[in-house]
Amino acid sequence: MATLQSLTSGDFEAFLNRVFDVRSVADEVQLSLIEVKPLGAGEREGGAFSTLWQGPKSPVLEQSVYRLFEQEFGEQELFLVPVAEKDAGIQYEAIFT
């Protein structure tokens, strides 16, 4: 997979509704990629974008950098911020500018 700096919204869109393992926490946590949204101009090819991830109700991940893994996507470190609590659990956002 590409480096974090070269990833585009299209790279993530190919993995919508896929489950990623969070490999940088003690307890097993999985996040599903539920949305990729363009944000306009940015320094990366294709412009800035955000990704929205759905996680379980517990544990709640604090705002931090996490190592996410999916078999085809590979492993990347993303800065995730908890942004909403829904019936299904906690949602997290990562922004790419």
N, C-alpha and C. Protein backbone atom coordinates (compact mmCIF):
# COMPACT_ATOMS: atom_id res chain seq x y z
N MET A 1 0.84 -1.18 0.00
CA MET A 1 0.00 0.00 0.00
C MET A 1 0.88 1.24 0.00
N ALA A 2 0.33 2.34 -0.37
CA ALA A 2 1.04 3.60 -0.46
C ALA A 2 1.43 4.11 0.93
N THR A 3 2.27 5.13 0.95
CA THR A 3 2.63 5.76 2.21
C THR A 3 1.46 6.64 2.66
N LEU A 4 1.44 6.96 3.93
CA LEU A 4 0.37 7.79 4.48
C LEU A 4 0.26 9.12 3.74
N GLN A 5 1.38 9.70 3.37
CA GLN A 5 1.38 11.00 2.68
C GLN A 5 0.81 10.91 1.28
N SER A 6 0.87 9.76 0.65
CA SER A 6 0.41 9.65 -0.74
C SER A 6 -1.00 9.05 -0.86
N LEU A 7 -1.61 8.63 0.25
CA LEU A 7 -2.95 8.06 0.18
C LEU A 7 -3.96 9.11 -0.26
N THR A 8 -4.92 8.69 -1.07
CA THR A 8 -5.98 9.58 -1.54
C THR A 8 -7.32 9.08 -1.02
N SER A 9 -8.34 9.88 -1.22
CA SER A 9 -9.68 9.45 -0.81
C SER A 9 -10.08 8.17 -1.54
N GLY A 10 -9.67 8.04 -2.80
CA GLY A 10 -9.97 6.84 -3.57
C GLY A 10 -9.36 5.59 -2.96
N ASP A 11 -8.16 5.73 -2.39
CA ASP A 11 -7.54 4.58 -1.73
C ASP A 11 -8.41 4.09 -0.59
N PHE A 12 -8.99 5.00 0.17
CA PHE A 12 -9.85 4.62 1.29
C PHE A 12 -11.22 4.17 0.83
N GLU A 13 -11.77 4.81 -0.21
CA GLU A 13 -13.11 4.43 -0.70
C GLU A 13 -13.18 2.97 -1.09
N ALA A 14 -12.07 2.43 -1.56
CA ALA A 14 -12.03 1.01 -1.94
C ALA A 14 -12.22 0.09 -0.73
N PHE A 15 -12.11 0.64 0.48
CA PHE A 15 -12.21 -0.17 1.70
C PHE A 15 -13.40 0.22 2.57
N LEU A 16 -14.37 0.94 1.99
CA LEU A 16 -15.58 1.28 2.73
C LEU A 16 -16.27 0.02 3.23
N ASN A 17 -16.75 0.09 4.44
CA ASN A 17 -17.46 -1.02 5.11
C ASN A 17 -16.57 -2.22 5.41
N ARG A 18 -15.28 -2.03 5.35
CA ARG A 18 -14.33 -3.10 5.73
C ARG A 18 -13.92 -2.89 7.19
N VAL A 19 -13.56 -3.97 7.84
CA VAL A 19 -13.15 -3.95 9.24
C VAL A 19 -11.62 -3.92 9.33
N PHE A 20 -11.12 -3.01 10.15
CA PHE A 20 -9.69 -2.85 10.40
C PHE A 20 -9.41 -3.20 11.85
N ASP A 21 -8.31 -3.89 12.10
CA ASP A 21 -7.88 -4.19 13.46
C ASP A 21 -7.02 -3.04 13.96
N VAL A 22 -7.27 -2.61 15.19
CA VAL A 22 -6.42 -1.62 15.83
C VAL A 22 -5.33 -2.39 16.54
N ARG A 23 -4.11 -2.29 16.04
CA ARG A 23 -3.02 -3.13 16.54
C ARG A 23 -2.18 -2.45 17.61
N SER A 24 -2.49 -1.23 17.97
CA SER A 24 -1.64 -0.51 18.92
C SER A 24 -2.30 -0.34 20.29
N VAL A 25 -3.28 -1.20 20.61
CA VAL A 25 -3.92 -1.18 21.92
C VAL A 25 -3.88 -2.57 22.53
N ALA A 26 -3.95 -2.63 23.85
CA ALA A 26 -3.85 -3.92 24.54
C ALA A 26 -5.07 -4.81 24.27
N ASP A 27 -6.27 -4.23 24.34
CA ASP A 27 -7.49 -5.00 24.09
C ASP A 27 -7.77 -5.03 22.59
N GLU A 28 -8.40 -6.12 22.15
CA GLU A 28 -8.76 -6.24 20.74
C GLU A 28 -9.86 -5.23 20.41
N VAL A 29 -9.60 -4.37 19.43
CA VAL A 29 -10.57 -3.38 18.98
C VAL A 29 -10.59 -3.42 17.46
N GLN A 30 -11.80 -3.36 16.90
CA GLN A 30 -11.95 -3.30 15.45
C GLN A 30 -12.77 -2.07 15.09
N LEU A 31 -12.37 -1.42 14.00
CA LEU A 31 -13.08 -0.25 13.48
C LEU A 31 -13.51 -0.53 12.05
N SER A 32 -14.71 -0.10 11.71
CA SER A 32 -15.20 -0.22 10.33
C SER A 32 -15.12 1.15 9.67
N LEU A 33 -14.60 1.20 8.47
CA LEU A 33 -14.56 2.44 7.70
C LEU A 33 -15.96 2.67 7.13
N ILE A 34 -16.64 3.73 7.57
CA ILE A 34 -18.03 3.92 7.17
C ILE A 34 -18.25 5.13 6.25
N GLU A 35 -17.25 6.01 6.13
CA GLU A 35 -17.44 7.18 5.27
C GLU A 35 -16.10 7.77 4.86
N VAL A 36 -16.03 8.20 3.60
CA VAL A 36 -14.91 8.98 3.09
C VAL A 36 -15.52 10.22 2.46
N LYS A 37 -15.09 11.39 2.94
CA LYS A 37 -15.74 12.64 2.50
C LYS A 37 -14.69 13.64 2.02
N PRO A 38 -14.84 14.17 0.78
CA PRO A 38 -13.91 15.18 0.30
C PRO A 38 -14.06 16.47 1.11
N LEU A 39 -12.94 17.16 1.30
CA LEU A 39 -12.94 18.40 2.07
C LEU A 39 -12.46 19.60 1.26
N GLY A 40 -12.26 19.44 -0.04
CA GLY A 40 -11.79 20.56 -0.86
C GLY A 40 -10.30 20.47 -1.14
N ALA A 41 -9.73 21.61 -1.46
CA ALA A 41 -8.31 21.66 -1.84
C ALA A 41 -7.43 21.25 -0.66
N GLY A 42 -6.33 20.64 -0.99
CA GLY A 42 -5.36 20.23 0.01
C GLY A 42 -4.02 20.03 -0.68
N GLU A 43 -3.01 19.69 0.09
CA GLU A 43 -1.68 19.53 -0.47
C GLU A 43 -1.46 18.16 -1.09
N ARG A 44 -2.35 17.24 -0.86
CA ARG A 44 -2.17 15.89 -1.41
C ARG A 44 -2.93 15.77 -2.73
N GLU A 45 -2.51 14.82 -3.56
CA GLU A 45 -3.19 14.56 -4.83
C GLU A 45 -4.66 14.23 -4.57
N GLY A 46 -5.55 14.87 -5.29
CA GLY A 46 -6.97 14.63 -5.12
C GLY A 46 -7.62 15.50 -4.06
N GLY A 47 -6.84 16.26 -3.32
CA GLY A 47 -7.39 17.16 -2.31
C GLY A 47 -7.51 16.54 -0.93
N ALA A 48 -7.96 17.37 -0.01
CA ALA A 48 -8.14 16.95 1.38
C ALA A 48 -9.40 16.09 1.51
N PHE A 49 -9.42 15.24 2.54
CA PHE A 49 -10.59 14.40 2.79
C PHE A 49 -10.60 13.95 4.23
N SER A 50 -11.75 13.46 4.67
CA SER A 50 -11.84 12.88 6.00
C SER A 50 -12.34 11.44 5.88
N THR A 51 -12.01 10.66 6.89
CA THR A 51 -12.52 9.29 6.98
C THR A 51 -13.25 9.17 8.32
N LEU A 52 -14.37 8.45 8.31
CA LEU A 52 -15.15 8.22 9.52
C LEU A 52 -15.17 6.73 9.81
N TRP A 53 -14.91 6.38 11.04
CA TRP A 53 -14.76 5.00 11.48
C TRP A 53 -15.75 4.69 12.57
N GLN A 54 -16.35 3.51 12.54
CA GLN A 54 -17.28 3.07 13.58
C GLN A 54 -16.59 2.03 14.45
N GLY A 55 -16.60 2.30 15.75
CA GLY A 55 -16.02 1.35 16.70
C GLY A 55 -17.05 0.90 17.71
N PRO A 56 -16.66 0.00 18.60
CA PRO A 56 -17.58 -0.48 19.63
C PRO A 56 -17.82 0.58 20.71
N LYS A 57 -18.78 0.31 21.59
CA LYS A 57 -19.05 1.24 22.70
C LYS A 57 -17.90 1.24 23.70
N SER A 58 -17.23 0.12 23.80
CA SER A 58 -16.13 0.01 24.75
C SER A 58 -15.08 -0.93 24.18
N PRO A 59 -13.82 -0.65 24.34
CA PRO A 59 -13.27 0.53 24.99
C PRO A 59 -13.36 1.75 24.07
N VAL A 60 -13.39 2.92 24.68
CA VAL A 60 -13.37 4.17 23.93
C VAL A 60 -11.90 4.54 23.72
N LEU A 61 -11.53 4.73 22.47
CA LEU A 61 -10.16 5.13 22.16
C LEU A 61 -10.02 6.64 22.33
N GLU A 62 -8.99 7.07 23.04
CA GLU A 62 -8.73 8.49 23.20
C GLU A 62 -8.15 9.05 21.92
N GLN A 63 -8.21 10.36 21.77
CA GLN A 63 -7.58 11.02 20.64
C GLN A 63 -6.09 10.69 20.64
N SER A 64 -5.64 10.03 19.58
CA SER A 64 -4.25 9.61 19.53
C SER A 64 -3.94 8.99 18.16
N VAL A 65 -2.70 8.59 17.99
CA VAL A 65 -2.27 7.87 16.79
C VAL A 65 -2.43 6.38 17.06
N TYR A 66 -3.10 5.69 16.12
CA TYR A 66 -3.33 4.25 16.23
C TYR A 66 -2.86 3.55 14.97
N ARG A 67 -2.36 2.34 15.14
CA ARG A 67 -1.92 1.52 14.02
C ARG A 67 -3.08 0.64 13.59
N LEU A 68 -3.61 0.88 12.38
CA LEU A 68 -4.73 0.12 11.84
C LEU A 68 -4.25 -0.85 10.78
N PHE A 69 -4.86 -2.04 10.77
CA PHE A 69 -4.47 -3.07 9.82
C PHE A 69 -5.70 -3.70 9.19
N GLU A 70 -5.61 -3.89 7.88
CA GLU A 70 -6.59 -4.66 7.12
C GLU A 70 -5.78 -5.44 6.10
N GLN A 71 -6.13 -6.69 5.86
CA GLN A 71 -5.31 -7.60 5.05
C GLN A 71 -4.88 -6.99 3.71
N GLU A 72 -5.81 -6.47 2.94
CA GLU A 72 -5.47 -5.91 1.62
C GLU A 72 -4.90 -4.50 1.71
N PHE A 73 -5.37 -3.72 2.66
CA PHE A 73 -4.94 -2.34 2.84
C PHE A 73 -3.53 -2.28 3.41
N GLY A 74 -3.22 -3.21 4.28
CA GLY A 74 -1.94 -3.20 4.96
C GLY A 74 -2.07 -2.49 6.30
N GLU A 75 -0.97 -1.93 6.76
CA GLU A 75 -0.93 -1.29 8.07
C GLU A 75 -0.54 0.18 7.92
N GLN A 76 -1.26 1.07 8.58
CA GLN A 76 -0.97 2.49 8.58
C GLN A 76 -1.25 3.05 9.96
N GLU A 77 -0.50 4.07 10.34
CA GLU A 77 -0.78 4.78 11.57
C GLU A 77 -1.62 6.01 11.25
N LEU A 78 -2.77 6.13 11.94
CA LEU A 78 -3.69 7.24 11.72
C LEU A 78 -3.96 7.96 13.03
N PHE A 79 -4.09 9.28 12.95
CA PHE A 79 -4.48 10.08 14.09
C PHE A 79 -6.01 10.11 14.13
N LEU A 80 -6.58 9.43 15.12
CA LEU A 80 -8.03 9.31 15.23
C LEU A 80 -8.55 10.17 16.38
N VAL A 81 -9.70 10.80 16.13
CA VAL A 81 -10.36 11.64 17.13
C VAL A 81 -11.78 11.12 17.32
N PRO A 82 -12.18 10.83 18.56
CA PRO A 82 -13.58 10.44 18.78
C PRO A 82 -14.48 11.64 18.50
N VAL A 83 -15.52 11.45 17.69
CA VAL A 83 -16.36 12.59 17.28
C VAL A 83 -17.83 12.40 17.60
N ALA A 84 -18.29 11.18 17.85
CA ALA A 84 -19.71 10.96 18.11
C ALA A 84 -19.92 9.64 18.83
N GLU A 85 -20.99 9.60 19.62
CA GLU A 85 -21.43 8.34 20.23
C GLU A 85 -22.79 8.02 19.65
N LYS A 86 -22.89 6.88 18.99
CA LYS A 86 -24.13 6.41 18.36
C LYS A 86 -24.60 5.14 19.06
N ASP A 87 -25.78 4.66 18.70
CA ASP A 87 -26.28 3.41 19.28
C ASP A 87 -25.30 2.26 19.04
N ALA A 88 -24.66 2.26 17.87
CA ALA A 88 -23.73 1.19 17.51
C ALA A 88 -22.38 1.30 18.21
N GLY A 89 -22.07 2.47 18.77
CA GLY A 89 -20.79 2.65 19.44
C GLY A 89 -20.21 4.03 19.17
N ILE A 90 -18.90 4.12 19.24
CA ILE A 90 -18.18 5.38 19.10
C ILE A 90 -17.69 5.54 17.66
N GLN A 91 -17.81 6.77 17.14
CA GLN A 91 -17.28 7.08 15.81
C GLN A 91 -16.03 7.92 15.96
N TYR A 92 -15.09 7.67 15.05
CA TYR A 92 -13.80 8.35 15.05
C TYR A 92 -13.55 8.95 13.67
N GLU A 93 -12.80 10.06 13.66
CA GLU A 93 -12.50 10.71 12.39
C GLU A 93 -10.99 10.87 12.24
N ALA A 94 -10.53 10.72 11.02
CA ALA A 94 -9.15 11.04 10.64
C ALA A 94 -9.24 11.98 9.45
N ILE A 95 -8.49 13.09 9.49
CA ILE A 95 -8.51 14.08 8.43
C ILE A 95 -7.16 14.09 7.73
N PHE A 96 -7.22 14.16 6.40
CA PHE A 96 -6.03 14.17 5.55
C PHE A 96 -6.03 15.46 4.74
N THR A 97 -5.01 16.31 4.93
CA THR A 97 -4.98 17.60 4.23
C THR A 97 -3.90 17.64 3.17
